[in-house]
Amino acid sequence: MALYYLRDIEVGVDGDLAVDEMGNLPLATAKDSCKHGMKFLVSTDFGQLASETVFGSNIGSLIGVTDMNVVLDRVVTLVMEGVARQGLMSPNDVQVLAIPIAHDQILLLVRVKGQFMDENGEIHADDEFTLKYLFPYKSSRLVEITDD
């Protein structure tokens, strides 16, 4: 299990930059930084990021595919290839599950487990988070399911 310590600028639930009461841009925790990075990686298709034409998981390439078995296999492969290609997280710390929930939808779960260093330098071992998405692959894009 890898140790994650990099911290990025904090973003709110809506994806906008967070601003503290003094007008500063606070830093997110290492765990939240990894979570935001994984959300961006999973939901981004090739060509959406101008500076990096092969960034993301490219799940959108499966929109319109009618064979659920193909989608179930490919979505897991695409996310894991994106993780390995971008180096955001160790592939050993990421588990991807694709579960059929309707004739044209899958539930995509991305579970990340790691050791995250907090702002005081303390390491929180065996910490984890799970990203949840609905993917109506025949007609629409990935939709995140939030815990709120």
Protein backbone atom coordinates (compact mmCIF):
# COMPACT_ATOMS: atom_id res chain seq x y z
CA MET A 1 0.00 0.00 0.00
CA ALA A 2 1.43 3.33 -1.10
CA LEU A 3 1.82 6.47 0.98
CA TYR A 4 0.08 9.54 -0.44
CA TYR A 5 1.17 12.95 0.79
CA LEU A 6 0.63 15.45 -2.05
CA ARG A 7 -1.94 18.15 -1.40
CA ASP A 8 -3.82 20.14 -4.02
CA ILE A 9 -6.02 23.21 -3.79
CA GLU A 10 -9.31 22.41 -2.03
CA VAL A 11 -12.47 22.27 -4.12
CA GLY A 12 -16.06 22.27 -2.93
CA VAL A 13 -18.73 19.66 -3.56
CA ASP A 14 -19.73 21.54 -6.72
CA GLY A 15 -16.17 21.40 -8.06
CA ASP A 16 -15.46 25.11 -7.59
CA LEU A 17 -12.34 26.29 -5.79
CA ALA A 18 -12.85 26.69 -2.06
CA VAL A 19 -12.02 30.06 -0.51
CA ASP A 20 -11.54 30.55 3.23
CA GLU A 21 -12.81 33.54 5.23
CA MET A 22 -9.58 35.46 4.52
CA GLY A 23 -9.92 34.97 0.76
CA ASN A 24 -7.13 32.39 0.60
CA LEU A 25 -7.20 29.14 -1.33
CA PRO A 26 -6.81 26.40 1.29
CA LEU A 27 -5.09 23.09 0.59
CA ALA A 28 -7.06 19.85 0.62
CA THR A 29 -5.92 16.88 2.65
CA ALA A 30 -3.86 14.24 0.84
CA LYS A 31 -6.89 11.91 0.89
CA ASP A 32 -9.22 14.55 -0.57
CA SER A 33 -6.60 15.48 -3.18
CA CYS A 34 -6.42 11.84 -4.29
CA LYS A 35 -10.22 11.61 -4.29
CA HIS A 36 -10.59 14.71 -6.48
CA GLY A 37 -7.86 13.46 -8.82
CA MET A 38 -9.54 10.07 -9.19
CA LYS A 39 -12.93 11.71 -9.86
CA PHE A 40 -11.34 13.80 -12.61
CA LEU A 41 -9.53 10.80 -14.09
CA VAL A 42 -12.63 8.56 -14.12
CA SER A 43 -14.95 11.19 -15.62
CA THR A 44 -12.57 12.54 -18.28
CA ASP A 45 -12.42 11.21 -21.83
CA PHE A 46 -9.48 11.41 -24.23
CA GLY A 47 -9.23 14.82 -25.86
CA GLN A 48 -11.21 16.68 -23.18
CA LEU A 49 -8.04 18.05 -21.61
CA ALA A 50 -6.33 20.16 -24.27
CA SER A 51 -2.83 19.84 -22.84
CA GLU A 52 -2.99 16.04 -22.55
CA THR A 53 -4.84 14.21 -25.32
CA VAL A 54 -4.76 10.79 -23.62
CA PHE A 55 -5.64 11.85 -20.08
CA GLY A 56 -8.53 10.12 -18.35
CA SER A 57 -10.29 6.81 -18.49
CA ASN A 58 -12.13 7.36 -21.79
CA ILE A 59 -15.30 5.70 -20.51
CA GLY A 60 -17.34 7.93 -22.81
CA SER A 61 -16.07 5.84 -25.72
CA LEU A 62 -18.47 3.13 -24.53
CA ILE A 63 -21.61 5.25 -24.97
CA GLY A 64 -23.83 3.50 -27.48
CA VAL A 65 -22.33 0.03 -27.03
CA THR A 66 -25.25 -2.36 -26.68
CA ASP A 67 -23.50 -5.47 -25.31
CA MET A 68 -23.47 -5.23 -21.51
CA ASN A 69 -20.72 -7.86 -21.17
CA VAL A 70 -18.40 -5.78 -23.35
CA VAL A 71 -19.17 -2.67 -21.29
CA LEU A 72 -18.62 -4.47 -17.97
CA ASP A 73 -15.20 -5.73 -19.07
CA ARG A 74 -14.05 -2.58 -20.85
CA VAL A 75 -15.07 -0.05 -18.17
CA VAL A 76 -12.92 -1.83 -15.58
CA THR A 77 -10.01 -2.06 -18.03
CA LEU A 78 -10.30 1.59 -19.08
CA VAL A 79 -10.25 2.90 -15.50
CA MET A 80 -7.32 0.69 -14.49
CA GLU A 81 -5.37 1.66 -17.64
CA GLY A 82 -6.03 5.34 -16.83
CA VAL A 83 -4.77 4.86 -13.27
CA ALA A 84 -1.61 3.13 -14.49
CA ARG A 85 -1.00 5.65 -17.31
CA GLN A 86 -1.44 8.78 -15.16
CA GLY A 87 0.42 7.55 -12.07
CA LEU A 88 -2.03 9.31 -9.76
CA MET A 89 -2.42 6.26 -7.52
CA SER A 90 -0.71 2.91 -7.34
CA PRO A 91 -2.79 0.40 -9.35
CA ASN A 92 -2.38 -1.99 -6.40
CA ASP A 93 -4.41 0.45 -4.27
CA VAL A 94 -7.34 0.70 -6.71
CA GLN A 95 -10.16 -1.77 -7.18
CA VAL A 96 -12.80 -1.24 -9.87
CA LEU A 97 -16.12 -3.08 -9.91
CA ALA A 98 -18.76 -2.84 -12.62
CA ILE A 99 -22.14 -4.24 -11.60
CA PRO A 100 -25.17 -4.56 -13.91
CA ILE A 101 -28.23 -2.95 -12.30
CA ALA A 102 -30.61 -2.63 -15.27
CA HIS A 103 -30.70 -3.74 -18.89
CA ASP A 104 -28.94 -0.53 -19.92
CA GLN A 105 -27.14 0.69 -16.77
CA ILE A 106 -24.19 -0.34 -14.68
CA LEU A 107 -23.04 0.71 -11.25
CA LEU A 108 -19.36 1.58 -11.29
CA LEU A 109 -17.49 1.45 -7.98
CA VAL A 110 -13.91 2.70 -7.69
CA ARG A 111 -12.44 1.77 -4.30
CA VAL A 112 -9.14 3.33 -3.29
CA LYS A 113 -7.18 2.21 -0.26
CA GLY A 114 -3.92 3.73 0.90
CA GLN A 115 -1.92 5.47 3.56
CA PHE A 116 -2.59 9.19 3.64
CA MET A 117 -0.40 11.75 5.40
CA ASP A 118 -2.24 14.59 7.10
CA GLU A 119 -1.09 18.21 7.46
CA ASN A 120 0.69 17.33 10.74
CA GLY A 121 2.77 14.59 9.11
CA GLU A 122 0.78 11.79 10.72
CA ILE A 123 0.09 8.76 8.55
CA HIS A 124 -3.38 7.27 8.49
CA ALA A 125 -2.91 3.66 7.40
CA ASP A 126 -5.57 1.53 5.77
CA ASP A 127 -7.70 4.56 4.94
CA GLU A 128 -10.03 4.27 1.98
CA PHE A 129 -12.76 5.87 -0.08
CA THR A 130 -15.17 4.65 -2.74
CA LEU A 131 -16.37 6.64 -5.73
CA LYS A 132 -19.78 5.58 -7.05
CA TYR A 133 -21.18 6.18 -10.54
CA LEU A 134 -24.20 5.23 -12.61
CA PHE A 135 -23.41 4.63 -16.26
CA PRO A 136 -26.41 4.43 -18.61
CA TYR A 137 -23.99 3.31 -21.33
CA LYS A 138 -26.45 3.05 -24.22
CA SER A 139 -27.41 6.71 -24.16
CA SER A 140 -25.62 8.94 -21.69
CA ARG A 141 -22.50 9.90 -19.81
CA LEU A 142 -21.28 8.79 -16.41
CA VAL A 143 -23.20 10.25 -13.43
CA GLU A 144 -21.58 10.45 -10.00
CA ILE A 145 -23.57 9.24 -7.00
CA THR A 146 -22.74 11.40 -3.98
CA ASP A 147 -23.16 10.54 -0.32
CA ASP A 148 -24.80 13.90 0.44
